Amino acid sequence: MNGPYQAGTPCWIDLMVPDQQAALDFYRDLFGWQGEIGPPETGGYSVCTLKGKPVAGIMRASNPDGSVPDPMPPTVWTTYLATDGIDATLKAVTDAGGSVMTGPMDVMDLGRMAVITDPTGAVVGLWQYGTFAGAGIVNEHGALIWNELSTGDIPAASAFYSAVLPLTTAKSQIPDVGEYTEFKVGGRAVGGMMDLASMPTGVPPHWLPYFAVDDVDSIQAAAVRAGGSVKAPAFDMAAGRMAVLADPQGGTFAVITGAGPA
């Protein structure tokens, strides 16, 4: 990626964890990322790179004053959707029944960010680029390839995201999966949406990042050796072979070897 993402497109992900260095070590060994704890002026935020390009952020869970939260928030990956004007998008969010958790705030000259909750309860970030557009490498081994919303109300989520960002939704039938909803920007699929009913009981609405890998089974085994866990063991489906994993601190993500260009 050599320029800004079109509004509505997932453009960045980051992970908030109790032990930042342990997370950096885990994802370095799993995906080949490089990263170190950042300077105090950025709150120690780590921008992880692959082949010298940014791929994801990792930060320590902390209160605004830098103290340790009590209780500690859950370890989660946050997906960020690109927007050309974050203030107007946030107004649309509240008008459409969503709520603002954090922001808007300036991140130096890099851009402006906010974190919102959609009306179905899923948390997602917004990013208006400044000097930083987002992920510099996507769709190859160790990099982001897909972002998927799991929600208990697909029609409500479809209406919400279409109201706040220039994207549309379209339904399709996937063999062995059934009905699937895609998010599209400019007619191009940029993410997907699943019915929460297909998940284990108690799983809340959430956005899940998928990372492209050359060999799902070896990545799954490596994650387990490093102290991670398997949420859904490697399986074959229409889009390729995939697995859902969690890092040792509980951050959940999917890995996939795509079956083709789509």
C-alpha atoms as a PDB file:
ATOM      1  CA  MET A   1       0.000   0.000   0.000  1.00  0.00           C
ATOM      2  CA  ASN A   2       1.531   3.279  -1.117  1.00  0.00           C
ATOM      3  CA  GLY A   3      -1.205   5.753  -0.352  1.00  0.00           C
ATOM      4  CA  PRO A   4      -4.238   6.436   1.820  1.00  0.00           C
ATOM      5  CA  TYR A   5      -7.026   3.890   2.103  1.00  0.00           C
ATOM      6  CA  GLN A   6     -10.458   4.672   0.730  1.00  0.00           C
ATOM      7  CA  ALA A   7     -12.929   5.666   3.443  1.00  0.00           C
ATOM      8  CA  GLY A   8     -14.687   2.636   4.887  1.00  0.00           C
ATOM      9  CA  THR A   9     -11.754   0.288   4.304  1.00  0.00           C
ATOM     10  CA  PRO A  10     -10.039  -1.430   7.259  1.00  0.00           C
ATOM     11  CA  CYS A  11      -6.667   0.314   7.324  1.00  0.00           C
ATOM     12  CA  TRP A  12      -4.997  -0.584  10.627  1.00  0.00           C
ATOM     13  CA  ILE A  13      -5.168  -2.926  13.600  1.00  0.00           C
ATOM     14  CA  ASP A  14      -3.673  -2.745  17.039  1.00  0.00           C
ATOM     15  CA  LEU A  15      -3.521  -4.871  20.160  1.00  0.00           C
ATOM     16  CA  MET A  16      -3.777  -3.744  23.791  1.00  0.00           C
ATOM     17  CA  VAL A  17      -2.092  -6.148  26.227  1.00  0.00           C
ATOM     18  CA  PRO A  18      -0.937  -6.296  29.868  1.00  0.00           C
ATOM     19  CA  ASP A  19       2.600  -7.393  28.856  1.00  0.00           C
ATOM     20  CA  GLN A  20       3.674  -5.456  25.769  1.00  0.00           C
ATOM     21  CA  GLN A  21       7.129  -6.996  25.421  1.00  0.00           C
ATOM     22  CA  ALA A  22       5.748 -10.527  25.641  1.00  0.00           C
ATOM     23  CA  ALA A  23       3.299  -9.725  22.829  1.00  0.00           C
ATOM     24  CA  LEU A  24       6.076  -8.234  20.696  1.00  0.00           C
ATOM     25  CA  ASP A  25       8.124 -11.397  21.177  1.00  0.00           C
ATOM     26  CA  PHE A  26       5.183 -13.702  20.359  1.00  0.00           C
ATOM     27  CA  TYR A  27       4.228 -12.001  17.084  1.00  0.00           C
ATOM     28  CA  ARG A  28       7.867 -11.560  16.061  1.00  0.00           C
ATOM     29  CA  ASP A  29       8.408 -15.297  16.323  1.00  0.00           C
ATOM     30  CA  LEU A  30       5.051 -16.159  14.724  1.00  0.00           C
ATOM     31  CA  PHE A  31       4.930 -13.725  11.791  1.00  0.00           C
ATOM     32  CA  GLY A  32       8.434 -12.259  11.545  1.00  0.00           C
ATOM     33  CA  TRP A  33       7.388  -8.804  12.735  1.00  0.00           C
ATOM     34  CA  GLN A  34       9.943  -6.347  14.049  1.00  0.00           C
ATOM     35  CA  GLY A  35       9.014  -3.931  16.821  1.00  0.00           C
ATOM     36  CA  GLU A  36      10.127  -2.410  20.080  1.00  0.00           C
ATOM     37  CA  ILE A  37       8.475  -0.457  22.869  1.00  0.00           C
ATOM     38  CA  GLY A  38       8.017   3.115  21.657  1.00  0.00           C
ATOM     39  CA  PRO A  39       9.066   6.411  23.267  1.00  0.00           C
ATOM     40  CA  PRO A  40       7.228   7.964  26.238  1.00  0.00           C
ATOM     41  CA  GLU A  41       5.697  10.712  24.073  1.00  0.00           C
ATOM     42  CA  THR A  42       3.692   8.015  22.225  1.00  0.00           C
ATOM     43  CA  GLY A  43       2.787   6.153  25.410  1.00  0.00           C
ATOM     44  CA  GLY A  44       5.235   3.407  24.445  1.00  0.00           C
ATOM     45  CA  TYR A  45       3.113   2.455  21.429  1.00  0.00           C
ATOM     46  CA  SER A  46       4.878  -0.046  19.185  1.00  0.00           C
ATOM     47  CA  VAL A  47       4.493   0.054  15.411  1.00  0.00           C
ATOM     48  CA  CYS A  48       5.396  -3.440  14.224  1.00  0.00           C
ATOM     49  CA  THR A  49       6.918  -3.777  10.785  1.00  0.00           C
ATOM     50  CA  LEU A  50       7.344  -6.467   8.148  1.00  0.00           C
ATOM     51  CA  LYS A  51       9.971  -5.919   5.458  1.00  0.00           C
ATOM     52  CA  GLY A  52      10.336  -2.415   6.857  1.00  0.00           C
ATOM     53  CA  LYS A  53       6.660  -1.525   6.390  1.00  0.00           C
ATOM     54  CA  PRO A  54       4.110  -1.015   9.204  1.00  0.00           C
ATOM     55  CA  VAL A  55       1.677  -3.898   9.693  1.00  0.00           C
ATOM     56  CA  ALA A  56       0.165  -3.545  13.194  1.00  0.00           C
ATOM     57  CA  GLY A  57       0.412  -1.744  16.519  1.00  0.00           C
ATOM     58  CA  ILE A  58       0.915  -3.196  19.995  1.00  0.00           C
ATOM     59  CA  MET A  59       0.419  -1.156  23.174  1.00  0.00           C
ATOM     60  CA  ARG A  60       0.423  -1.737  26.921  1.00  0.00           C
ATOM     61  CA  ALA A  61      -2.933  -1.564  28.635  1.00  0.00           C
ATOM     62  CA  SER A  62      -2.898   1.574  30.796  1.00  0.00           C
ATOM     63  CA  ASN A  63      -5.055   4.385  32.097  1.00  0.00           C
ATOM     64  CA  PRO A  64      -4.704   7.887  30.564  1.00  0.00           C
ATOM     65  CA  ASP A  65      -2.345   8.821  33.427  1.00  0.00           C
ATOM     66  CA  GLY A  66      -0.142   5.815  32.676  1.00  0.00           C
ATOM     67  CA  SER A  67      -1.237   3.764  35.682  1.00  0.00           C
ATOM     68  CA  VAL A  68      -2.168   0.091  35.461  1.00  0.00           C
ATOM     69  CA  PRO A  69      -5.929  -0.465  35.019  1.00  0.00           C
ATOM     70  CA  ASP A  70      -7.826  -2.337  37.707  1.00  0.00           C
ATOM     71  CA  PRO A  71      -9.508  -4.432  36.548  1.00  0.00           C
ATOM     72  CA  MET A  72      -7.366  -5.102  33.504  1.00  0.00           C
ATOM     73  CA  PRO A  73      -9.346  -4.755  30.245  1.00  0.00           C
ATOM     74  CA  PRO A  74      -9.608  -7.790  27.960  1.00  0.00           C
ATOM     75  CA  THR A  75      -6.802  -8.352  25.475  1.00  0.00           C
ATOM     76  CA  VAL A  76      -8.289  -7.582  22.065  1.00  0.00           C
ATOM     77  CA  TRP A  77      -7.308  -6.663  18.534  1.00  0.00           C
ATOM     78  CA  THR A  78      -8.997  -3.444  17.362  1.00  0.00           C
ATOM     79  CA  THR A  79      -9.803  -2.912  13.689  1.00  0.00           C
ATOM     80  CA  TYR A  80      -9.658   0.688  12.392  1.00  0.00           C
ATOM     81  CA  LEU A  81     -11.777   1.854   9.466  1.00  0.00           C
ATOM     82  CA  ALA A  82     -10.496   4.702   7.312  1.00  0.00           C
ATOM     83  CA  THR A  83     -12.425   7.963   7.240  1.00  0.00           C
ATOM     84  CA  ASP A  84     -11.792  11.200   5.362  1.00  0.00           C
ATOM     85  CA  GLY A  85     -13.344  13.334   8.133  1.00  0.00           C
ATOM     86  CA  ILE A  86     -13.506  11.898  11.620  1.00  0.00           C
ATOM     87  CA  ASP A  87     -15.668  14.629  13.149  1.00  0.00           C
ATOM     88  CA  ALA A  88     -18.409  14.219  10.551  1.00  0.00           C
ATOM     89  CA  THR A  89     -18.164  10.427  10.886  1.00  0.00           C
ATOM     90  CA  LEU A  90     -18.593  10.606  14.665  1.00  0.00           C
ATOM     91  CA  LYS A  91     -21.695  12.746  14.281  1.00  0.00           C
ATOM     92  CA  ALA A  92     -23.066  10.137  11.905  1.00  0.00           C
ATOM     93  CA  VAL A  93     -22.179   7.430  14.444  1.00  0.00           C
ATOM     94  CA  THR A  94     -24.280   8.981  17.195  1.00  0.00           C
ATOM     95  CA  ASP A  95     -27.075   9.873  14.769  1.00  0.00           C
ATOM     96  CA  ALA A  96     -27.213   6.219  13.683  1.00  0.00           C
ATOM     97  CA  GLY A  97     -27.380   4.835  17.218  1.00  0.00           C
ATOM     98  CA  GLY A  98     -23.715   4.137  17.912  1.00  0.00           C
ATOM     99  CA  SER A  99     -21.648   5.579  20.757  1.00  0.00           C
ATOM    100  CA  VAL A 100     -18.199   7.140  21.043  1.00  0.00           C
ATOM    101  CA  MET A 101     -15.830   5.440  23.494  1.00  0.00           C
ATOM    102  CA  THR A 102     -12.652   7.439  22.847  1.00  0.00           C
ATOM    103  CA  GLY A 103     -11.779  10.561  20.895  1.00  0.00           C
ATOM    104  CA  PRO A 104     -11.595  12.187  18.560  1.00  0.00           C
ATOM    105  CA  MET A 105      -7.949  12.835  19.312  1.00  0.00           C
ATOM    106  CA  ASP A 106      -4.895  13.927  17.364  1.00  0.00           C
ATOM    107  CA  VAL A 107      -1.999  11.470  17.235  1.00  0.00           C
ATOM    108  CA  MET A 108       0.812  13.957  16.653  1.00  0.00           C
ATOM    109  CA  ASP A 109       0.885  14.613  12.895  1.00  0.00           C
ATOM    110  CA  LEU A 110       0.136  10.967  12.079  1.00  0.00           C
ATOM    111  CA  GLY A 111      -3.635  11.399  11.980  1.00  0.00           C
ATOM    112  CA  ARG A 112      -6.778  11.535  14.102  1.00  0.00           C
ATOM    113  CA  MET A 113      -8.452   8.595  15.789  1.00  0.00           C
ATOM    114  CA  ALA A 114     -11.532   7.544  17.690  1.00  0.00           C
ATOM    115  CA  VAL A 115     -12.976   4.309  19.011  1.00  0.00           C
ATOM    116  CA  ILE A 116     -16.703   3.661  18.782  1.00  0.00           C
ATOM    117  CA  THR A 117     -19.269   1.013  19.640  1.00  0.00           C
ATOM    118  CA  ASP A 118     -21.790   0.118  16.958  1.00  0.00           C
ATOM    119  CA  PRO A 119     -25.475  -0.375  17.897  1.00  0.00           C
ATOM    120  CA  THR A 120     -24.998  -4.156  18.095  1.00  0.00           C
ATOM    121  CA  GLY A 121     -22.204  -3.849  20.680  1.00  0.00           C
ATOM    122  CA  ALA A 122     -19.062  -4.339  18.573  1.00  0.00           C
ATOM    123  CA  VAL A 123     -16.103  -2.009  19.152  1.00  0.00           C
ATOM    124  CA  VAL A 124     -14.224  -0.590  16.160  1.00  0.00           C
ATOM    125  CA  GLY A 125     -11.736   2.222  15.589  1.00  0.00           C
ATOM    126  CA  LEU A 126     -11.759   5.093  13.105  1.00  0.00           C
ATOM    127  CA  TRP A 127      -8.643   6.571  11.502  1.00  0.00           C
ATOM    128  CA  GLN A 128      -8.261   9.816   9.551  1.00  0.00           C
ATOM    129  CA  TYR A 129      -4.808   9.785   8.038  1.00  0.00           C
ATOM    130  CA  GLY A 130      -2.298  12.604   8.321  1.00  0.00           C
ATOM    131  CA  THR A 131       1.249  11.469   7.593  1.00  0.00           C
ATOM    132  CA  PHE A 132       0.378   7.833   8.405  1.00  0.00           C
ATOM    133  CA  ALA A 133      -2.067   6.027   6.127  1.00  0.00           C
ATOM    134  CA  GLY A 134      -2.081   2.659   7.919  1.00  0.00           C
ATOM    135  CA  ALA A 135      -0.785  -0.800   7.080  1.00  0.00           C
ATOM    136  CA  GLY A 136       2.003  -0.616   4.504  1.00  0.00           C
ATOM    137  CA  ILE A 137       1.858  -4.311   3.578  1.00  0.00           C
ATOM    138  CA  VAL A 138      -1.297  -6.419   3.276  1.00  0.00           C
ATOM    139  CA  ASN A 139      -2.413  -9.721   1.718  1.00  0.00           C
ATOM    140  CA  GLU A 140       0.880 -11.589   2.101  1.00  0.00           C
ATOM    141  CA  HIS A 141       2.424 -13.867   4.737  1.00  0.00           C
ATOM    142  CA  GLY A 142       2.386 -12.239   8.171  1.00  0.00           C
ATOM    143  CA  ALA A 143       0.193  -9.307   7.133  1.00  0.00           C
ATOM    144  CA  LEU A 144      -3.469  -8.390   7.417  1.00  0.00           C
ATOM    145  CA  ILE A 145      -5.709  -9.848   4.694  1.00  0.00           C
ATOM    146  CA  TRP A 146      -9.310  -9.593   5.989  1.00  0.00           C
ATOM    147  CA  ASN A 147     -11.419  -8.102   8.797  1.00  0.00           C
ATOM    148  CA  GLU A 148     -14.686  -9.649   9.891  1.00  0.00           C
ATOM    149  CA  LEU A 149     -17.497  -8.451  12.129  1.00  0.00           C
ATOM    150  CA  SER A 150     -19.459 -11.008  14.148  1.00  0.00           C
ATOM    151  CA  THR A 151     -22.769  -9.560  15.309  1.00  0.00           C
ATOM    152  CA  GLY A 152     -26.137 -10.682  16.574  1.00  0.00           C
ATOM    153  CA  ASP A 153     -28.016  -8.325  14.236  1.00  0.00           C
ATOM    154  CA  ILE A 154     -26.680  -8.269  10.671  1.00  0.00           C
ATOM    155  CA  PRO A 155     -29.418  -5.985   9.261  1.00  0.00           C
ATOM    156  CA  ALA A 156     -28.829  -3.395  12.007  1.00  0.00           C
ATOM    157  CA  ALA A 157     -25.052  -3.541  11.539  1.00  0.00           C
ATOM    158  CA  SER A 158     -25.409  -3.245   7.763  1.00  0.00           C
ATOM    159  CA  ALA A 159     -27.603  -0.161   8.138  1.00  0.00           C
ATOM    160  CA  PHE A 160     -25.264   1.428  10.673  1.00  0.00           C
ATOM    161  CA  TYR A 161     -21.983   1.074   8.796  1.00  0.00           C
ATOM    162  CA  SER A 162     -23.576   2.129   5.522  1.00  0.00           C
ATOM    163  CA  ALA A 163     -24.915   5.238   7.260  1.00  0.00           C
ATOM    164  CA  VAL A 164     -21.622   6.363   8.790  1.00  0.00           C
ATOM    165  CA  LEU A 165     -19.109   5.456   6.049  1.00  0.00           C
ATOM    166  CA  PRO A 166     -19.177   5.245   2.223  1.00  0.00           C
ATOM    167  CA  LEU A 167     -19.569   1.491   2.111  1.00  0.00           C
ATOM    168  CA  THR A 168     -22.277  -0.954   1.129  1.00  0.00           C
ATOM    169  CA  THR A 169     -23.104  -4.520   2.090  1.00  0.00           C
ATOM    170  CA  ALA A 170     -23.908  -7.465  -0.153  1.00  0.00           C
ATOM    171  CA  LYS A 171     -24.981 -11.017   0.662  1.00  0.00           C
ATOM    172  CA  SER A 172     -23.525 -14.108  -0.949  1.00  0.00           C
ATOM    173  CA  GLN A 173     -23.642 -17.875  -0.481  1.00  0.00           C
ATOM    174  CA  ILE A 174     -20.415 -19.615   0.529  1.00  0.00           C
ATOM    175  CA  PRO A 175     -20.222 -23.428   0.221  1.00  0.00           C
ATOM    176  CA  ASP A 176     -20.146 -25.148   3.646  1.00  0.00           C
ATOM    177  CA  VAL A 177     -20.655 -21.765   5.337  1.00  0.00           C
ATOM    178  CA  GLY A 178     -24.007 -20.516   4.089  1.00  0.00           C
ATOM    179  CA  GLU A 179     -25.036 -16.887   3.802  1.00  0.00           C
ATOM    180  CA  TYR A 180     -22.208 -14.391   4.197  1.00  0.00           C
ATOM    181  CA  THR A 181     -22.308 -10.600   4.116  1.00  0.00           C
ATOM    182  CA  GLU A 182     -19.492  -8.578   2.561  1.00  0.00           C
ATOM    183  CA  PHE A 183     -18.617  -4.950   3.193  1.00  0.00           C
ATOM    184  CA  LYS A 184     -17.786  -3.209  -0.081  1.00  0.00           C
ATOM    185  CA  VAL A 185     -16.091   0.094  -0.899  1.00  0.00           C
ATOM    186  CA  GLY A 186     -16.353   1.238  -4.488  1.00  0.00           C
ATOM    187  CA  GLY A 187     -17.771  -2.163  -5.390  1.00  0.00           C
ATOM    188  CA  ARG A 188     -14.753  -4.009  -3.962  1.00  0.00           C
ATOM    189  CA  ALA A 189     -15.032  -6.376  -0.984  1.00  0.00           C
ATOM    190  CA  VAL A 190     -12.985  -5.058   1.954  1.00  0.00           C
ATOM    191  CA  GLY A 191     -14.381  -7.071   4.870  1.00  0.00           C
ATOM    192  CA  GLY A 192     -17.109  -9.393   5.980  1.00  0.00           C
ATOM    193  CA  MET A 193     -19.840 -10.006   8.512  1.00  0.00           C
ATOM    194  CA  MET A 194     -20.925 -13.205  10.280  1.00  0.00           C
ATOM    195  CA  ASP A 195     -23.953 -14.058  12.403  1.00  0.00           C
ATOM    196  CA  LEU A 196     -22.963 -14.345  16.057  1.00  0.00           C
ATOM    197  CA  ALA A 197     -25.311 -17.329  16.318  1.00  0.00           C
ATOM    198  CA  SER A 198     -22.596 -19.424  14.674  1.00  0.00           C
ATOM    199  CA  MET A 199     -20.214 -18.663  17.557  1.00  0.00           C
ATOM    200  CA  PRO A 200     -20.008 -20.394  20.959  1.00  0.00           C
ATOM    201  CA  THR A 201     -22.474 -19.108  23.547  1.00  0.00           C
ATOM    202  CA  GLY A 202     -21.218 -16.046  25.383  1.00  0.00           C
ATOM    203  CA  VAL A 203     -18.954 -14.667  22.644  1.00  0.00           C
ATOM    204  CA  PRO A 204     -19.689 -10.909  22.385  1.00  0.00           C
ATOM    205  CA  PRO A 205     -20.005  -8.946  19.122  1.00  0.00           C
ATOM    206  CA  HIS A 206     -16.511  -8.230  17.804  1.00  0.00           C
ATOM    207  CA  TRP A 207     -14.255  -7.484  14.837  1.00  0.00           C
ATOM    208  CA  LEU A 208     -11.688 -10.204  14.042  1.00  0.00           C
ATOM    209  CA  PRO A 209      -8.489  -9.654  12.027  1.00  0.00           C
ATOM    210  CA  TYR A 210      -7.266 -12.327   9.608  1.00  0.00           C
ATOM    211  CA  PHE A 211      -3.563 -12.675   8.772  1.00  0.00           C
ATOM    212  CA  ALA A 212      -2.339 -14.284   5.559  1.00  0.00           C
ATOM    213  CA  VAL A 213       0.069 -17.182   6.134  1.00  0.00           C
ATOM    214  CA  ASP A 214       1.821 -19.640   3.862  1.00  0.00           C
ATOM    215  CA  ASP A 215       0.986 -22.673   6.030  1.00  0.00           C
ATOM    216  CA  VAL A 216      -1.905 -22.535   8.504  1.00  0.00           C
ATOM    217  CA  ASP A 217      -1.017 -25.814  10.231  1.00  0.00           C
ATOM    218  CA  SER A 218       2.585 -24.835  10.964  1.00  0.00           C
ATOM    219  CA  ILE A 219       1.501 -21.425  12.266  1.00  0.00           C
ATOM    220  CA  GLN A 220      -1.100 -23.077  14.496  1.00  0.00           C
ATOM    221  CA  ALA A 221       1.525 -25.439  15.899  1.00  0.00           C
ATOM    222  CA  ALA A 222       3.997 -22.601  16.426  1.00  0.00           C
ATOM    223  CA  ALA A 223       1.394 -20.529  18.261  1.00  0.00           C
ATOM    224  CA  VAL A 224       0.659 -23.415  20.637  1.00  0.00           C
ATOM    225  CA  ARG A 225       4.366 -24.034  21.276  1.00  0.00           C
ATOM    226  CA  ALA A 226       4.712 -20.356  22.194  1.00  0.00           C
ATOM    227  CA  GLY A 227       1.902 -20.553  24.753  1.00  0.00           C
ATOM    228  CA  GLY A 228      -1.026 -19.561  22.541  1.00  0.00           C
ATOM    229  CA  SER A 229      -4.268 -21.494  22.176  1.00  0.00           C
ATOM    230  CA  VAL A 230      -6.534 -22.775  19.411  1.00  0.00           C
ATOM    231  CA  LYS A 231     -10.097 -21.440  19.224  1.00  0.00           C
ATOM    232  CA  ALA A 232     -10.967 -23.207  15.952  1.00  0.00           C
ATOM    233  CA  PRO A 233      -8.490 -25.832  14.663  1.00  0.00           C
ATOM    234  CA  ALA A 234      -7.270 -25.594  11.067  1.00  0.00           C
ATOM    235  CA  PHE A 235      -9.995 -26.436   8.567  1.00  0.00           C
ATOM    236  CA  ASP A 236     -10.679 -26.120   4.870  1.00  0.00           C
ATOM    237  CA  MET A 237     -13.428 -23.860   3.532  1.00  0.00           C
ATOM    238  CA  ALA A 238     -14.311 -22.089   0.293  1.00  0.00           C
ATOM    239  CA  ALA A 239     -11.851 -19.219   0.758  1.00  0.00           C
ATOM    240  CA  GLY A 240      -8.940 -21.446   1.749  1.00  0.00           C
ATOM    241  CA  ARG A 241      -7.562 -23.141   4.853  1.00  0.00           C
ATOM    242  CA  MET A 242      -7.876 -21.212   8.111  1.00  0.00           C
ATOM    243  CA  ALA A 243      -7.720 -21.402  11.890  1.00  0.00           C
ATOM    244  CA  VAL A 244      -8.724 -19.125  14.759  1.00  0.00           C
ATOM    245  CA  LEU A 245      -6.022 -18.714  17.400  1.00  0.00           C
ATOM    246  CA  ALA A 246      -5.313 -16.697  20.536  1.00  0.00           C
ATOM    247  CA  ASP A 247      -1.991 -15.364  21.764  1.00  0.00           C
ATOM    248  CA  PRO A 248      -0.824 -16.223  25.321  1.00  0.00           C
ATOM    249  CA  GLN A 249      -2.555 -13.099  26.683  1.00  0.00           C
ATOM    250  CA  GLY A 250      -5.880 -13.878  25.025  1.00  0.00           C
ATOM    251  CA  GLY A 251      -5.787 -11.735  21.876  1.00  0.00           C
ATOM    252  CA  THR A 252      -7.836 -13.624  19.266  1.00  0.00           C
ATOM    253  CA  PHE A 253      -7.040 -13.608  15.537  1.00  0.00           C
ATOM    254  CA  ALA A 254      -7.488 -15.787  12.464  1.00  0.00           C
ATOM    255  CA  VAL A 255      -4.907 -17.046  10.004  1.00  0.00           C
ATOM    256  CA  ILE A 256      -5.702 -18.117   6.459  1.00  0.00           C
ATOM    257  CA  THR A 257      -4.031 -19.488   3.364  1.00  0.00           C
ATOM    258  CA  GLY A 258      -6.226 -18.172   0.584  1.00  0.00           C
ATOM    259  CA  ALA A 259      -7.494 -20.489  -2.123  1.00  0.00           C
ATOM    260  CA  GLY A 260      -7.197 -17.834  -4.826  1.00  0.00           C
ATOM    261  CA  PRO A 261      -7.025 -14.122  -5.633  1.00  0.00           C
ATOM    262  CA  ALA A 262     -10.544 -13.433  -4.295  1.00  0.00           C
END
